[in-house]
């Protein structure tokens, strides 16, 4: 995000809560409700008592409040990270302006029916206004006999707007936004499920460059490398390749350049782009030689019919790690193709002695051996 908006001017965000849907269950005797709007742990507005329509099971709130703040970097950060919280209660007794109700009161003066949140992120993506129907979730989970369908779940119809776009087109083009979504949490500790005390929190951090020139931003290469790793682990190899390529185009290489080069080389190899794979593996061998970099170079050169170079690279790999079955499998193929039958059989025997075995290479060896035997018989 940019360091500042329009010179630190005042910004007004308008929230209009239009309607509440499915506000009470069949056996509920709720007849009036109150809406409270919170932002940054402060109550920004409270509606009057609103009547629940017993026939339509809805509430016409038609409630509007404005959030006023400075148009600066801190405000933009808050907009990206902090949603508007809307709380629906049965009455307004005991409410105090300025005190947040994110944790419902345990008093008997009111009952919290539920809370809903509105994400303001679209305002940072060029929208001047947007509408949404957000679910009204219970703040206390109680055992129920049946689960309500999504159609009958309570919800709020809301509209958020600003007079002018928060960011210009030029600012949008140079902005960064890293979005992380927590889909599911497993094996939660007991302390996270306690109903009393402070709520549990978990925070992760990552430095993200903001306004410096792209080629000179420290850490930018790491961000693209991390993006590539995420795609690679999800088997989205085209997206991973693009991210890896971009991570290597900066003045400073990513901190895990060795892994980036290995994975990029393997993607090129699997896609049949052997020239690109050879260039990547050569770079990896120069920067941080290992068994895998030499193996990558050797296997790529073998596919390019550069058998002498392939053999030299594979011998280097065998000196570093002797138990890699692929190294010996490729050496056996090279020896078989260059007429060194005894060496080929020896290397093939070594390749078969290690587990896990590279079945495709062992099969390729048997097929090549059969082809050479047939040629010999024909000649």
Protein backbone atom coordinates (compact mmCIF):
# COMPACT_ATOMS: atom_id res chain seq x y z
CA UNK A 1 0.00 0.00 0.00
CA UNK A 2 1.23 3.56 -0.61
CA UNK A 3 2.71 5.55 2.25
CA UNK A 4 -0.02 8.14 2.09
CA UNK A 5 -3.25 8.89 0.33
CA UNK A 6 -4.36 12.35 -0.68
CA UNK A 7 -2.04 14.24 1.66
CA UNK A 8 -3.53 12.93 4.90
CA UNK A 9 -7.04 14.32 4.23
CA UNK A 10 -10.03 13.19 6.25
CA UNK A 11 -11.73 10.04 4.99
CA UNK A 12 -15.36 9.17 5.62
CA UNK A 13 -16.58 5.60 5.19
CA UNK A 14 -20.35 5.24 5.18
CA UNK A 15 -21.98 2.04 6.38
CA UNK A 16 -25.66 1.47 5.71
CA UNK A 17 -27.28 -1.56 7.36
CA UNK A 18 -30.43 -1.99 5.30
CA UNK A 19 -32.15 -5.06 6.63
CA UNK A 20 -31.88 -8.02 8.98
CA UNK A 21 -33.13 -11.40 7.76
CA UNK A 22 -34.34 -14.44 9.75
CA UNK A 23 -33.85 -12.56 12.97
CA UNK A 24 -35.51 -15.03 15.33
CA UNK A 25 -36.21 -18.72 15.60
CA UNK A 26 -39.72 -20.14 15.74
CA UNK A 27 -39.93 -20.39 19.54
CA UNK A 28 -38.20 -17.07 20.19
CA UNK A 29 -40.17 -14.19 21.71
CA UNK A 30 -37.86 -11.45 20.43
CA UNK A 31 -39.91 -8.48 19.27
CA UNK A 32 -37.39 -5.60 19.23
CA UNK A 33 -33.69 -5.48 18.45
CA UNK A 34 -30.87 -2.94 18.51
CA UNK A 35 -27.89 -2.72 16.18
CA UNK A 36 -24.43 -1.61 17.35
CA UNK A 37 -21.57 -0.85 14.95
CA UNK A 38 -17.96 -1.19 16.11
CA UNK A 39 -14.68 -0.40 14.42
CA UNK A 40 -11.22 -0.53 15.97
CA UNK A 41 -12.70 -1.67 19.30
CA UNK A 42 -14.93 1.40 19.54
CA UNK A 43 -18.70 1.63 19.16
CA UNK A 44 -19.31 4.03 16.27
CA UNK A 45 -23.09 3.99 16.23
CA UNK A 46 -26.21 2.53 17.86
CA UNK A 47 -29.59 2.25 16.24
CA UNK A 48 -32.97 2.84 17.84
CA UNK A 49 -35.09 -0.11 18.92
CA UNK A 50 -36.34 -1.77 15.74
CA UNK A 51 -39.45 -3.90 15.50
CA UNK A 52 -39.12 -7.45 14.20
CA UNK A 53 -41.72 -8.18 11.55
CA UNK A 54 -43.34 -11.40 12.83
CA UNK A 55 -44.62 -12.37 9.38
CA UNK A 56 -41.50 -11.71 7.27
CA UNK A 57 -39.17 -12.46 10.22
CA UNK A 58 -37.05 -9.48 9.27
CA UNK A 59 -36.04 -6.05 10.56
CA UNK A 60 -35.83 -2.91 8.43
CA UNK A 61 -32.88 -1.23 10.13
CA UNK A 62 -32.17 1.46 7.51
CA UNK A 63 -29.35 2.51 9.83
CA UNK A 64 -26.42 4.60 8.63
CA UNK A 65 -23.22 5.57 10.40
CA UNK A 66 -19.96 7.13 9.24
CA UNK A 67 -16.41 6.18 10.14
CA UNK A 68 -14.15 9.23 9.95
CA UNK A 69 -10.37 8.92 9.94
CA UNK A 70 -7.28 10.33 8.28
CA UNK A 71 -6.47 9.15 4.78
CA UNK A 72 -2.96 7.91 5.53
CA UNK A 73 -0.92 4.71 5.55
CA UNK A 74 -2.05 3.66 9.02
CA UNK A 75 -5.70 3.98 8.05
CA UNK A 76 -5.11 1.91 4.93
CA UNK A 77 -3.41 -0.75 7.06
CA UNK A 78 -6.38 -0.79 9.44
CA UNK A 79 -8.82 -1.08 6.55
CA UNK A 80 -6.91 -4.07 5.22
CA UNK A 81 -6.76 -5.82 8.58
CA UNK A 82 -9.76 -4.75 10.67
CA UNK A 83 -13.39 -5.39 9.74
CA UNK A 84 -16.49 -3.54 10.90
CA UNK A 85 -18.26 -5.54 13.61
CA UNK A 86 -22.05 -5.36 13.90
CA UNK A 87 -23.77 -6.68 17.01
CA UNK A 88 -27.52 -7.26 17.28
CA UNK A 89 -29.00 -7.26 20.80
CA UNK A 90 -32.52 -7.47 22.16
CA UNK A 91 -32.55 -3.95 23.68
CA UNK A 92 -30.39 -0.89 24.35
CA UNK A 93 -30.31 -0.92 28.13
CA UNK A 94 -26.83 -0.47 29.54
CA UNK A 95 -25.10 0.47 26.24
CA UNK A 96 -22.40 3.07 26.54
CA UNK A 97 -21.10 5.01 23.57
CA UNK A 98 -17.42 4.34 22.99
CA UNK A 99 -17.23 0.93 24.69
CA UNK A 100 -16.82 -2.03 22.36
CA UNK A 101 -19.12 -5.02 22.70
CA UNK A 102 -17.07 -7.57 20.80
CA UNK A 103 -17.30 -9.65 23.96
CA UNK A 104 -20.96 -9.76 24.96
CA UNK A 105 -22.03 -8.66 28.40
CA UNK A 106 -23.00 -11.35 30.88
CA UNK A 107 -25.59 -9.12 32.49
CA UNK A 108 -29.31 -9.70 32.35
CA UNK A 109 -30.11 -6.35 30.78
CA UNK A 110 -29.74 -7.58 27.21
CA UNK A 111 -29.25 -10.63 25.06
CA UNK A 112 -26.79 -10.68 22.20
CA UNK A 113 -28.45 -12.35 19.23
CA UNK A 114 -25.35 -12.45 17.07
CA UNK A 115 -22.50 -10.62 15.40
CA UNK A 116 -21.57 -10.02 11.78
CA UNK A 117 -18.47 -8.58 10.16
CA UNK A 118 -17.90 -6.57 7.00
CA UNK A 119 -14.48 -6.72 5.35
CA UNK A 120 -13.42 -3.29 4.03
CA UNK A 121 -10.75 -4.71 1.74
CA UNK A 122 -12.69 -3.94 -1.50
CA UNK A 123 -12.14 -0.23 -0.76
CA UNK A 124 -8.41 -0.80 -1.24
CA UNK A 125 -9.02 -2.58 -4.54
CA UNK A 126 -10.58 0.36 -6.35
CA UNK A 127 -14.24 0.04 -5.23
CA UNK A 128 -16.11 3.18 -4.16
CA UNK A 129 -19.07 1.16 -2.94
CA UNK A 130 -20.09 -2.44 -2.48
CA UNK A 131 -23.00 -4.39 -1.04
CA UNK A 132 -23.03 -7.68 0.81
CA UNK A 133 -25.25 -10.01 2.78
CA UNK A 134 -23.23 -11.12 5.79
CA UNK A 135 -24.17 -13.95 8.17
CA UNK A 136 -25.14 -13.06 11.74
CA UNK A 137 -23.24 -15.60 13.79
CA UNK A 138 -24.02 -16.53 17.42
CA UNK A 139 -21.39 -15.35 19.90
CA UNK A 140 -22.02 -18.30 22.19
CA UNK A 141 -22.36 -21.77 20.69
CA UNK A 142 -25.08 -23.82 22.39
CA UNK A 143 -26.17 -27.40 21.68
CA UNK A 144 -29.09 -27.52 19.26
CA UNK A 145 -31.35 -30.32 18.15
CA UNK A 146 -30.95 -29.55 14.50
CA UNK A 147 -28.79 -27.46 12.22
CA UNK A 148 -30.38 -24.49 10.52
CA UNK A 149 -30.02 -24.41 6.77
CA UNK A 150 -28.13 -21.60 5.06
CA UNK A 151 -31.45 -20.26 3.76
CA UNK A 152 -32.82 -19.74 7.27
CA UNK A 153 -29.62 -18.45 8.85
CA UNK A 154 -29.85 -14.86 10.17
CA UNK A 155 -28.03 -12.27 8.10
CA UNK A 156 -27.64 -8.54 7.51
CA UNK A 157 -27.87 -6.68 4.18
CA UNK A 158 -25.24 -3.93 4.21
CA UNK A 159 -23.76 -1.35 1.88
CA UNK A 160 -20.37 0.34 2.30
CA UNK A 161 -19.36 3.43 0.34
CA UNK A 162 -16.84 6.26 0.11
CA UNK A 163 -17.14 9.50 -1.85
CA UNK A 164 -13.93 9.01 -3.84
CA UNK A 165 -11.67 6.05 -4.50
CA UNK A 166 -9.10 5.63 -1.75
CA UNK A 167 -6.28 4.88 -4.18
CA UNK A 168 -5.58 6.26 -7.62
CA UNK A 169 -4.94 3.94 -10.56
CA UNK A 170 -1.21 4.65 -10.29
CA UNK A 171 -1.20 3.83 -6.58
CA UNK A 172 -3.15 0.61 -7.20
CA UNK A 173 -0.62 -0.44 -9.82
CA UNK A 174 2.28 -0.09 -7.36
CA UNK A 175 0.55 -1.48 -4.27
CA UNK A 176 1.25 -4.77 -2.52
CA UNK A 177 -1.34 -6.82 -0.72
CA UNK A 178 -0.58 -10.18 0.85
CA UNK A 179 -3.79 -11.95 1.87
CA UNK A 180 -3.74 -15.01 4.16
CA UNK A 181 -6.88 -17.04 4.85
CA UNK A 182 -7.16 -19.56 7.68
CA UNK A 183 -9.47 -22.26 6.36
CA UNK A 184 -9.43 -24.83 9.18
CA UNK A 185 -7.74 -25.31 12.55
CA UNK A 186 -7.10 -28.81 13.84
CA UNK A 187 -6.25 -30.18 17.30
CA UNK A 188 -6.94 -26.95 19.16
CA UNK A 189 -5.49 -26.82 22.67
CA UNK A 190 -7.94 -26.87 25.58
CA UNK A 191 -7.08 -23.28 26.50
CA UNK A 192 -8.55 -22.13 23.17
CA UNK A 193 -11.97 -23.58 23.97
CA UNK A 194 -12.42 -22.00 27.40
CA UNK A 195 -15.42 -19.67 27.65
CA UNK A 196 -13.81 -17.42 30.27
CA UNK A 197 -10.73 -15.24 30.13
CA UNK A 198 -9.10 -13.51 27.18
CA UNK A 199 -9.69 -15.02 23.77
CA UNK A 200 -6.77 -16.92 22.19
CA UNK A 201 -4.74 -15.21 19.49
CA UNK A 202 -2.14 -16.38 17.02
CA UNK A 203 -0.02 -13.92 15.09
CA UNK A 204 2.31 -14.45 12.16
CA UNK A 205 4.49 -11.81 10.55
CA UNK A 206 6.21 -11.27 7.25
CA UNK A 207 8.06 -8.23 5.97
CA UNK A 208 6.52 -6.93 2.75
CA UNK A 209 8.09 -4.07 0.76
CA UNK A 210 5.88 -1.05 0.23
CA UNK A 211 7.14 1.76 -1.97
CA UNK A 212 10.77 1.22 -3.07
CA UNK A 213 11.63 0.48 -6.66
CA UNK A 214 10.87 -3.14 -7.48
CA UNK A 215 14.36 -4.09 -8.59
CA UNK A 216 15.96 -2.74 -5.41
CA UNK A 217 13.55 -3.91 -2.75
CA UNK A 218 15.21 -6.24 -0.30
CA UNK A 219 13.12 -9.34 0.24
CA UNK A 220 11.04 -9.03 -2.95
CA UNK A 221 12.76 -12.08 -4.43
CA UNK A 222 11.89 -14.08 -1.30
CA UNK A 223 8.22 -13.20 -1.68
CA UNK A 224 8.08 -14.50 -5.25
CA UNK A 225 10.07 -17.58 -4.23
CA UNK A 226 7.59 -18.27 -1.43
CA UNK A 227 4.72 -17.84 -3.87
CA UNK A 228 6.42 -20.33 -6.17
CA UNK A 229 6.84 -22.85 -3.36
CA UNK A 230 3.13 -22.61 -2.52
CA UNK A 231 2.17 -23.33 -6.15
CA UNK A 232 4.78 -26.09 -6.45
CA UNK A 233 3.49 -27.95 -3.41
CA UNK A 234 -0.03 -27.75 -4.88
CA UNK A 235 1.25 -29.19 -8.19
CA UNK A 236 0.41 -25.91 -9.98
CA UNK A 237 3.69 -26.07 -11.87
CA UNK A 238 3.03 -23.39 -14.49
CA UNK A 239 2.26 -20.83 -11.79
CA UNK A 240 5.26 -22.03 -9.77
CA UNK A 241 7.53 -21.65 -12.81
CA UNK A 242 6.42 -18.06 -13.41
CA UNK A 243 6.99 -17.16 -9.75
CA UNK A 244 10.40 -18.82 -9.64
CA UNK A 245 11.46 -17.08 -12.85
CA UNK A 246 10.45 -13.73 -11.41
CA UNK A 247 12.25 -14.38 -8.12
CA UNK A 248 15.49 -14.87 -10.05
CA UNK A 249 15.13 -11.66 -12.04
CA UNK A 250 16.02 -9.35 -9.15
CA UNK A 251 19.42 -7.95 -8.32
CA UNK A 252 19.51 -10.05 -5.17
CA UNK A 253 18.55 -13.71 -5.38
CA UNK A 254 16.13 -15.32 -2.92
CA UNK A 255 17.60 -16.62 0.32
CA UNK A 256 16.72 -20.20 -0.67
CA UNK A 257 18.03 -19.87 -4.23
CA UNK A 258 19.32 -23.46 -4.16
CA UNK A 259 15.81 -24.86 -3.67
CA UNK A 260 14.33 -22.43 -6.19
CA UNK A 261 16.84 -23.49 -8.85
CA UNK A 262 16.30 -27.19 -8.16
CA UNK A 263 12.53 -26.92 -8.40
CA UNK A 264 12.60 -24.63 -11.44
CA UNK A 265 15.00 -26.99 -13.18
CA UNK A 266 12.76 -29.96 -12.42
CA UNK A 267 9.73 -28.12 -13.84
CA UNK A 268 11.60 -27.30 -17.05
CA UNK A 269 12.77 -30.93 -17.26
CA UNK A 270 9.30 -32.41 -16.75
CA UNK A 271 7.88 -30.01 -19.35
CA UNK A 272 10.53 -31.06 -21.89
CA UNK A 273 12.28 -27.66 -21.84
CA UNK A 274 15.74 -29.19 -21.60
CA UNK A 275 17.71 -26.14 -22.78
CA UNK A 276 16.21 -24.02 -20.00
CA UNK A 277 16.68 -26.83 -17.50
CA UNK A 278 20.37 -27.16 -18.41
CA UNK A 279 20.93 -23.42 -17.90
CA UNK A 280 19.25 -23.51 -14.49
CA UNK A 281 21.12 -26.60 -13.30
CA UNK A 282 24.43 -25.13 -14.51
CA UNK A 283 23.77 -22.04 -12.42
CA UNK A 284 22.91 -24.22 -9.43
CA UNK A 285 26.12 -26.23 -9.86
CA UNK A 286 28.14 -23.00 -9.95
CA UNK A 287 26.48 -21.45 -6.91
CA UNK A 288 25.92 -24.41 -4.59
CA UNK A 289 26.90 -27.77 -6.10
CA UNK A 290 25.22 -30.83 -4.65
CA UNK A 291 24.29 -34.33 -5.73
CA UNK A 292 20.90 -33.08 -6.92
CA UNK A 293 22.29 -30.19 -8.97
CA UNK A 294 24.80 -32.48 -10.73
CA UNK A 295 22.08 -35.09 -11.22
CA UNK A 296 19.81 -32.45 -12.73
CA UNK A 297 22.53 -31.31 -15.10
CA UNK A 298 23.48 -34.86 -16.02
CA UNK A 299 19.92 -36.04 -16.70
CA UNK A 300 19.19 -32.92 -18.76
CA UNK A 301 22.33 -33.27 -20.85
CA UNK A 302 21.45 -36.93 -21.42
CA UNK A 303 18.08 -35.91 -22.88
CA UNK A 304 19.92 -33.38 -25.07
CA UNK A 305 22.19 -36.18 -26.37
CA UNK A 306 25.23 -34.54 -24.74
CA UNK A 307 26.45 -37.83 -23.35
CA UNK A 308 30.02 -36.83 -22.41
CA UNK A 309 28.87 -33.83 -20.38
CA UNK A 310 26.07 -35.90 -18.86
CA UNK A 311 28.52 -38.60 -17.74
CA UNK A 312 30.89 -36.09 -16.16
CA UNK A 313 28.04 -34.44 -14.22
CA UNK A 314 26.68 -37.79 -13.04
CA UNK A 315 30.11 -38.92 -11.85
CA UNK A 316 30.32 -35.71 -9.79
CA UNK A 317 26.91 -36.55 -8.32
CA UNK A 318 28.01 -40.10 -7.46
CA UNK A 319 31.02 -38.75 -5.56
CA UNK A 320 28.75 -36.67 -3.33
CA UNK A 321 26.02 -39.26 -2.62
CA UNK A 322 26.54 -42.88 -3.64
CA UNK A 323 23.03 -44.09 -2.77
CA UNK A 324 21.05 -42.10 -5.35
CA UNK A 325 19.45 -44.65 -7.66
CA UNK A 326 18.81 -42.12 -10.46
CA UNK A 327 22.52 -41.31 -10.78
CA UNK A 328 23.42 -44.95 -11.40
CA UNK A 329 20.40 -45.49 -13.65
CA UNK A 330 21.47 -42.65 -15.96
CA UNK A 331 25.09 -43.84 -15.92
CA UNK A 332 23.92 -47.31 -16.95
CA UNK A 333 21.95 -45.80 -19.85
CA UNK A 334 24.97 -43.79 -21.02
CA UNK A 335 27.26 -46.81 -20.87
CA UNK A 336 24.73 -48.92 -22.74
CA UNK A 337 24.43 -46.31 -25.50
CA UNK A 338 28.21 -45.93 -25.82
CA UNK A 339 28.83 -49.68 -26.13
CA UNK A 340 30.24 -50.31 -22.66
CA UNK A 341 28.12 -53.34 -21.87
CA UNK A 342 29.94 -54.52 -18.73
CA UNK A 343 29.89 -51.06 -17.14
CA UNK A 344 26.24 -50.68 -18.05
CA UNK A 345 25.30 -53.95 -16.35
CA UNK A 346 27.38 -53.01 -13.29
CA UNK A 347 25.74 -49.60 -12.91
CA UNK A 348 22.32 -51.10 -13.59
CA UNK A 349 22.86 -53.62 -10.80
CA UNK A 350 23.80 -50.80 -8.42
CA UNK A 351 20.71 -48.79 -9.41
CA UNK A 352 18.46 -51.79 -8.63
CA UNK A 353 20.05 -52.28 -5.21
CA UNK A 354 18.76 -48.99 -3.78
CA UNK A 355 15.24 -48.10 -2.72
CA UNK A 356 13.13 -46.32 -3.69
CA UNK A 357 13.95 -47.20 -7.27
CA UNK A 358 13.26 -45.08 -10.32
CA UNK A 359 11.08 -47.60 -12.14
CA UNK A 360 10.77 -45.51 -15.31
CA UNK A 361 14.57 -45.41 -15.76
CA UNK A 362 14.94 -49.12 -15.06
CA UNK A 363 12.27 -49.83 -17.65
CA UNK A 364 13.97 -47.46 -20.11
CA UNK A 365 17.21 -49.40 -19.60
CA UNK A 366 15.55 -52.75 -20.40
CA UNK A 367 13.85 -51.30 -23.48
CA UNK A 368 17.09 -49.73 -24.73
CA UNK A 369 18.94 -52.97 -24.13
CA UNK A 370 16.35 -54.89 -26.15
CA UNK A 371 16.52 -52.35 -29.00
CA UNK A 372 20.32 -52.64 -29.17
CA UNK A 373 20.10 -56.44 -29.21
CA UNK A 374 17.61 -56.34 -32.07
CA UNK A 375 19.84 -53.97 -34.02
CA UNK A 376 22.77 -56.29 -33.48
CA UNK A 377 20.77 -59.27 -34.76
CA UNK A 378 19.57 -57.32 -37.80
CA UNK A 379 23.08 -56.28 -38.68
